[in-house]
Amino acid sequence: MSRLRVEFTTEPFDLDEAPAHALVAREVIEAAELDSVDVGPFGNTVEGGADAVLGAVDTLLRRSLEAGATRISLQVNVIGDVTEEGNEGATEEENVTGEEGP
């Protein structure tokens, strides 16, 4: 199973106070069972197993749009695999050789 990192922002921005869609996005992400969550005023980053991250992103998209988001930008990166041996976060090449690639 893959590990994913997702970076996202919700819009429109409001510099005076966090809009409802941003608060909903934060609530969804903080409630999800993710390994790492970094919530900031202009961008957010989460990491975890693929199923947990994708489930959280689905909920995030639906609830943020319902709460008034007019745009949600996100980037999804595969950051490694979780192998049977428990080699969490290793790249595919690391899983095969046990060493980092060139």
N, C-alpha and C. Protein backbone atom coordinates (compact mmCIF):
# COMPACT_ATOMS: atom_id res chain seq x y z
N MET A 1 0.85 -1.18 0.00
CA MET A 1 0.00 0.00 0.00
C MET A 1 0.90 1.24 0.00
N SER A 2 0.48 2.24 -0.70
CA SER A 2 1.26 3.47 -0.82
C SER A 2 0.98 4.45 0.32
N ARG A 3 1.98 5.27 0.56
CA ARG A 3 1.83 6.42 1.46
C ARG A 3 1.69 7.64 0.57
N LEU A 4 0.82 8.55 0.97
CA LEU A 4 0.56 9.75 0.18
C LEU A 4 0.79 11.00 0.99
N ARG A 5 1.18 12.06 0.29
CA ARG A 5 1.23 13.41 0.85
C ARG A 5 0.31 14.27 -0.01
N VAL A 6 -0.58 14.99 0.64
CA VAL A 6 -1.50 15.89 -0.07
C VAL A 6 -1.30 17.29 0.47
N GLU A 7 -1.15 18.22 -0.46
CA GLU A 7 -1.11 19.64 -0.12
C GLU A 7 -2.37 20.25 -0.72
N PHE A 8 -3.07 21.08 0.07
CA PHE A 8 -4.31 21.67 -0.44
C PHE A 8 -4.55 23.06 0.12
N THR A 9 -5.34 23.81 -0.64
CA THR A 9 -5.85 25.11 -0.19
C THR A 9 -7.31 25.20 -0.59
N THR A 10 -8.06 25.94 0.20
CA THR A 10 -9.46 26.23 -0.14
C THR A 10 -9.60 27.72 -0.34
N GLU A 11 -10.46 28.10 -1.23
CA GLU A 11 -10.68 29.51 -1.53
C GLU A 11 -12.18 29.79 -1.55
N PRO A 12 -12.60 31.02 -1.37
CA PRO A 12 -11.82 32.26 -1.37
C PRO A 12 -11.14 32.50 -0.02
N PHE A 13 -10.03 33.23 -0.09
CA PHE A 13 -9.28 33.61 1.11
C PHE A 13 -9.98 34.77 1.81
N ASP A 14 -9.79 34.83 3.10
CA ASP A 14 -10.23 35.96 3.90
C ASP A 14 -9.13 36.20 4.93
N LEU A 15 -8.44 37.31 4.80
CA LEU A 15 -7.30 37.57 5.68
C LEU A 15 -7.72 38.02 7.08
N ASP A 16 -8.97 38.45 7.25
CA ASP A 16 -9.43 38.91 8.55
C ASP A 16 -9.83 37.77 9.48
N GLU A 17 -10.52 36.77 8.93
CA GLU A 17 -10.90 35.60 9.73
C GLU A 17 -11.06 34.40 8.82
N ALA A 18 -10.86 33.24 9.39
CA ALA A 18 -10.95 32.01 8.59
C ALA A 18 -12.39 31.80 8.13
N PRO A 19 -12.59 31.61 6.82
CA PRO A 19 -13.95 31.37 6.32
C PRO A 19 -14.45 29.98 6.72
N ALA A 20 -15.76 29.80 6.65
CA ALA A 20 -16.38 28.53 7.07
C ALA A 20 -15.78 27.33 6.35
N HIS A 21 -15.50 27.45 5.05
CA HIS A 21 -14.97 26.30 4.32
C HIS A 21 -13.58 25.92 4.81
N ALA A 22 -12.78 26.89 5.24
CA ALA A 22 -11.45 26.59 5.77
C ALA A 22 -11.56 25.90 7.13
N LEU A 23 -12.50 26.33 7.94
CA LEU A 23 -12.71 25.70 9.25
C LEU A 23 -13.19 24.26 9.09
N VAL A 24 -14.08 24.04 8.12
CA VAL A 24 -14.57 22.68 7.85
C VAL A 24 -13.43 21.80 7.37
N ALA A 25 -12.59 22.32 6.47
CA ALA A 25 -11.45 21.55 5.96
C ALA A 25 -10.53 21.15 7.12
N ARG A 26 -10.25 22.08 8.01
CA ARG A 26 -9.39 21.80 9.16
C ARG A 26 -10.02 20.72 10.04
N GLU A 27 -11.31 20.83 10.28
CA GLU A 27 -12.02 19.85 11.11
C GLU A 27 -11.94 18.45 10.50
N VAL A 28 -12.16 18.35 9.20
CA VAL A 28 -12.10 17.06 8.51
C VAL A 28 -10.72 16.44 8.64
N ILE A 29 -9.69 17.22 8.36
CA ILE A 29 -8.33 16.72 8.37
C ILE A 29 -7.87 16.34 9.77
N GLU A 30 -8.20 17.14 10.75
CA GLU A 30 -7.79 16.84 12.12
C GLU A 30 -8.51 15.62 12.68
N ALA A 31 -9.71 15.31 12.17
CA ALA A 31 -10.47 14.15 12.64
C ALA A 31 -10.04 12.86 11.95
N ALA A 32 -9.38 12.97 10.82
CA ALA A 32 -8.96 11.78 10.06
C ALA A 32 -7.79 11.09 10.74
N GLU A 33 -7.63 9.81 10.48
CA GLU A 33 -6.54 9.04 11.06
C GLU A 33 -5.32 9.12 10.14
N LEU A 34 -4.64 10.26 10.20
CA LEU A 34 -3.48 10.51 9.35
C LEU A 34 -2.22 10.54 10.20
N ASP A 35 -1.08 10.32 9.56
CA ASP A 35 0.19 10.28 10.28
C ASP A 35 0.74 11.67 10.58
N SER A 36 0.47 12.61 9.69
CA SER A 36 1.02 13.95 9.82
C SER A 36 0.02 14.96 9.26
N VAL A 37 -0.20 16.03 10.03
CA VAL A 37 -1.11 17.10 9.60
C VAL A 37 -0.45 18.42 9.91
N ASP A 38 -0.34 19.27 8.89
CA ASP A 38 0.20 20.62 9.07
C ASP A 38 -0.80 21.59 8.45
N VAL A 39 -1.52 22.31 9.30
CA VAL A 39 -2.55 23.23 8.85
C VAL A 39 -2.02 24.65 8.99
N GLY A 40 -2.07 25.41 7.90
CA GLY A 40 -1.60 26.79 7.93
C GLY A 40 -2.58 27.71 7.25
N PRO A 41 -2.35 29.01 7.33
CA PRO A 41 -3.30 29.98 6.77
C PRO A 41 -3.37 29.97 5.25
N PHE A 42 -2.30 29.56 4.56
CA PHE A 42 -2.29 29.61 3.10
C PHE A 42 -2.08 28.25 2.45
N GLY A 43 -1.96 27.21 3.24
CA GLY A 43 -1.77 25.88 2.69
C GLY A 43 -1.74 24.85 3.79
N ASN A 44 -2.08 23.64 3.43
CA ASN A 44 -2.18 22.56 4.39
C ASN A 44 -1.53 21.33 3.79
N THR A 45 -0.89 20.52 4.63
CA THR A 45 -0.24 19.31 4.17
C THR A 45 -0.62 18.17 5.11
N VAL A 46 -0.95 17.03 4.52
CA VAL A 46 -1.26 15.83 5.30
C VAL A 46 -0.52 14.65 4.70
N GLU A 47 -0.20 13.67 5.54
CA GLU A 47 0.45 12.44 5.09
C GLU A 47 -0.17 11.26 5.79
N GLY A 48 -0.17 10.14 5.09
CA GLY A 48 -0.65 8.91 5.69
C GLY A 48 -0.80 7.82 4.65
N GLY A 49 -1.37 6.71 5.08
CA GLY A 49 -1.65 5.61 4.17
C GLY A 49 -2.66 6.05 3.12
N ALA A 50 -2.59 5.43 1.96
CA ALA A 50 -3.43 5.84 0.83
C ALA A 50 -4.92 5.83 1.18
N ASP A 51 -5.41 4.78 1.81
CA ASP A 51 -6.83 4.71 2.12
C ASP A 51 -7.28 5.84 3.04
N ALA A 52 -6.50 6.11 4.07
CA ALA A 52 -6.85 7.18 5.01
C ALA A 52 -6.81 8.54 4.34
N VAL A 53 -5.77 8.79 3.55
CA VAL A 53 -5.64 10.08 2.89
C VAL A 53 -6.75 10.28 1.86
N LEU A 54 -7.00 9.27 1.03
CA LEU A 54 -8.03 9.41 0.00
C LEU A 54 -9.42 9.57 0.61
N GLY A 55 -9.68 8.86 1.69
CA GLY A 55 -10.97 9.03 2.38
C GLY A 55 -11.12 10.43 2.94
N ALA A 56 -10.05 10.95 3.53
CA ALA A 56 -10.09 12.30 4.09
C ALA A 56 -10.26 13.34 2.98
N VAL A 57 -9.58 13.14 1.84
CA VAL A 57 -9.70 14.09 0.73
C VAL A 57 -11.13 14.08 0.18
N ASP A 58 -11.73 12.92 0.06
CA ASP A 58 -13.12 12.84 -0.41
C ASP A 58 -14.05 13.66 0.49
N THR A 59 -13.92 13.44 1.80
CA THR A 59 -14.75 14.17 2.76
C THR A 59 -14.43 15.66 2.73
N LEU A 60 -13.15 15.98 2.66
CA LEU A 60 -12.72 17.38 2.59
C LEU A 60 -13.35 18.10 1.41
N LEU A 61 -13.29 17.49 0.23
CA LEU A 61 -13.85 18.12 -0.97
C LEU A 61 -15.35 18.34 -0.82
N ARG A 62 -16.06 17.32 -0.42
CA ARG A 62 -17.52 17.42 -0.30
C ARG A 62 -17.94 18.46 0.74
N ARG A 63 -17.35 18.38 1.91
CA ARG A 63 -17.79 19.28 3.00
C ARG A 63 -17.33 20.71 2.78
N SER A 64 -16.14 20.92 2.23
CA SER A 64 -15.65 22.28 1.99
C SER A 64 -16.49 22.97 0.92
N LEU A 65 -16.83 22.24 -0.13
CA LEU A 65 -17.70 22.83 -1.17
C LEU A 65 -19.08 23.16 -0.61
N GLU A 66 -19.62 22.27 0.21
CA GLU A 66 -20.91 22.54 0.85
C GLU A 66 -20.84 23.77 1.76
N ALA A 67 -19.67 24.03 2.34
CA ALA A 67 -19.49 25.15 3.27
C ALA A 67 -19.11 26.46 2.57
N GLY A 68 -19.09 26.45 1.23
CA GLY A 68 -18.87 27.70 0.52
C GLY A 68 -17.57 27.85 -0.24
N ALA A 69 -16.72 26.84 -0.26
CA ALA A 69 -15.49 26.95 -1.05
C ALA A 69 -15.86 27.07 -2.53
N THR A 70 -15.18 27.97 -3.22
CA THR A 70 -15.41 28.13 -4.65
C THR A 70 -14.28 27.52 -5.47
N ARG A 71 -13.19 27.18 -4.78
CA ARG A 71 -12.05 26.54 -5.44
C ARG A 71 -11.26 25.78 -4.39
N ILE A 72 -10.87 24.57 -4.74
CA ILE A 72 -10.00 23.77 -3.87
C ILE A 72 -8.86 23.28 -4.76
N SER A 73 -7.66 23.66 -4.40
CA SER A 73 -6.49 23.21 -5.14
C SER A 73 -5.79 22.15 -4.33
N LEU A 74 -5.42 21.04 -4.98
CA LEU A 74 -4.69 20.03 -4.25
C LEU A 74 -3.67 19.34 -5.13
N GLN A 75 -2.65 18.87 -4.47
CA GLN A 75 -1.58 18.13 -5.12
C GLN A 75 -1.37 16.86 -4.31
N VAL A 76 -1.34 15.72 -5.01
CA VAL A 76 -1.16 14.43 -4.36
C VAL A 76 0.16 13.83 -4.83
N ASN A 77 0.99 13.43 -3.86
CA ASN A 77 2.27 12.79 -4.17
C ASN A 77 2.35 11.44 -3.48
N VAL A 78 2.83 10.45 -4.22
CA VAL A 78 3.15 9.16 -3.62
C VAL A 78 4.54 9.32 -3.00
N ILE A 79 4.64 9.07 -1.71
CA ILE A 79 5.92 9.29 -1.02
C ILE A 79 6.59 8.00 -0.58
N GLY A 80 5.95 6.87 -0.81
CA GLY A 80 6.57 5.59 -0.47
C GLY A 80 5.54 4.50 -0.36
N ASP A 81 6.00 3.34 -0.02
CA ASP A 81 5.15 2.17 0.14
C ASP A 81 5.26 1.63 1.55
N VAL A 82 4.22 0.98 1.99
CA VAL A 82 4.25 0.23 3.23
C VAL A 82 4.32 -1.22 2.81
N THR A 83 5.43 -1.88 3.13
CA THR A 83 5.63 -3.26 2.70
C THR A 83 5.25 -4.24 3.80
N GLU A 84 5.21 -5.49 3.43
CA GLU A 84 4.89 -6.53 4.41
C GLU A 84 5.93 -6.58 5.53
N GLU A 85 7.17 -6.24 5.21
CA GLU A 85 8.22 -6.27 6.22
C GLU A 85 8.16 -5.05 7.14
N GLY A 86 7.21 -4.14 6.88
CA GLY A 86 7.09 -2.96 7.72
C GLY A 86 8.06 -1.87 7.34
N ASN A 87 8.59 -1.89 6.12
CA ASN A 87 9.52 -0.87 5.64
C ASN A 87 8.73 0.35 5.19
N GLU A 88 8.07 0.97 6.15
CA GLU A 88 7.18 2.09 5.86
C GLU A 88 7.95 3.29 5.30
N GLY A 89 7.40 3.85 4.21
CA GLY A 89 7.97 5.06 3.65
C GLY A 89 9.10 4.83 2.68
N ALA A 90 9.49 3.60 2.45
CA ALA A 90 10.59 3.34 1.52
C ALA A 90 10.12 3.46 0.08
N THR A 91 11.02 3.87 -0.77
CA THR A 91 10.68 3.91 -2.19
C THR A 91 10.68 2.49 -2.72
N GLU A 92 10.14 2.32 -3.92
CA GLU A 92 10.09 0.99 -4.51
C GLU A 92 11.49 0.39 -4.62
N GLU A 93 12.47 1.20 -5.05
CA GLU A 93 13.83 0.70 -5.20
C GLU A 93 14.42 0.31 -3.85
N GLU A 94 14.13 1.08 -2.82
CA GLU A 94 14.63 0.75 -1.48
C GLU A 94 14.04 -0.57 -1.00
N ASN A 95 12.77 -0.83 -1.33
CA ASN A 95 12.14 -2.08 -0.91
C ASN A 95 12.79 -3.28 -1.58
N VAL A 96 13.23 -3.13 -2.81
CA VAL A 96 13.83 -4.24 -3.55
C VAL A 96 15.25 -4.50 -3.09
N THR A 97 16.06 -3.46 -2.95
CA THR A 97 17.48 -3.63 -2.66
C THR A 97 17.84 -3.45 -1.20
N GLY A 98 16.97 -2.80 -0.45
CA GLY A 98 17.29 -2.49 0.93
C GLY A 98 18.18 -1.29 1.06
N GLU A 99 18.52 -0.65 -0.05
CA GLU A 99 19.38 0.54 -0.06
C GLU A 99 18.73 1.61 -0.89
N GLU A 100 19.18 2.83 -0.67
CA GLU A 100 18.72 3.95 -1.50
C GLU A 100 19.28 3.79 -2.90
N GLY A 101 18.51 4.27 -3.87
CA GLY A 101 18.97 4.25 -5.26
C GLY A 101 20.02 5.30 -5.49
N PRO A 102 20.56 5.31 -6.73
CA PRO A 102 21.63 6.26 -7.06
C PRO A 102 21.19 7.70 -6.94
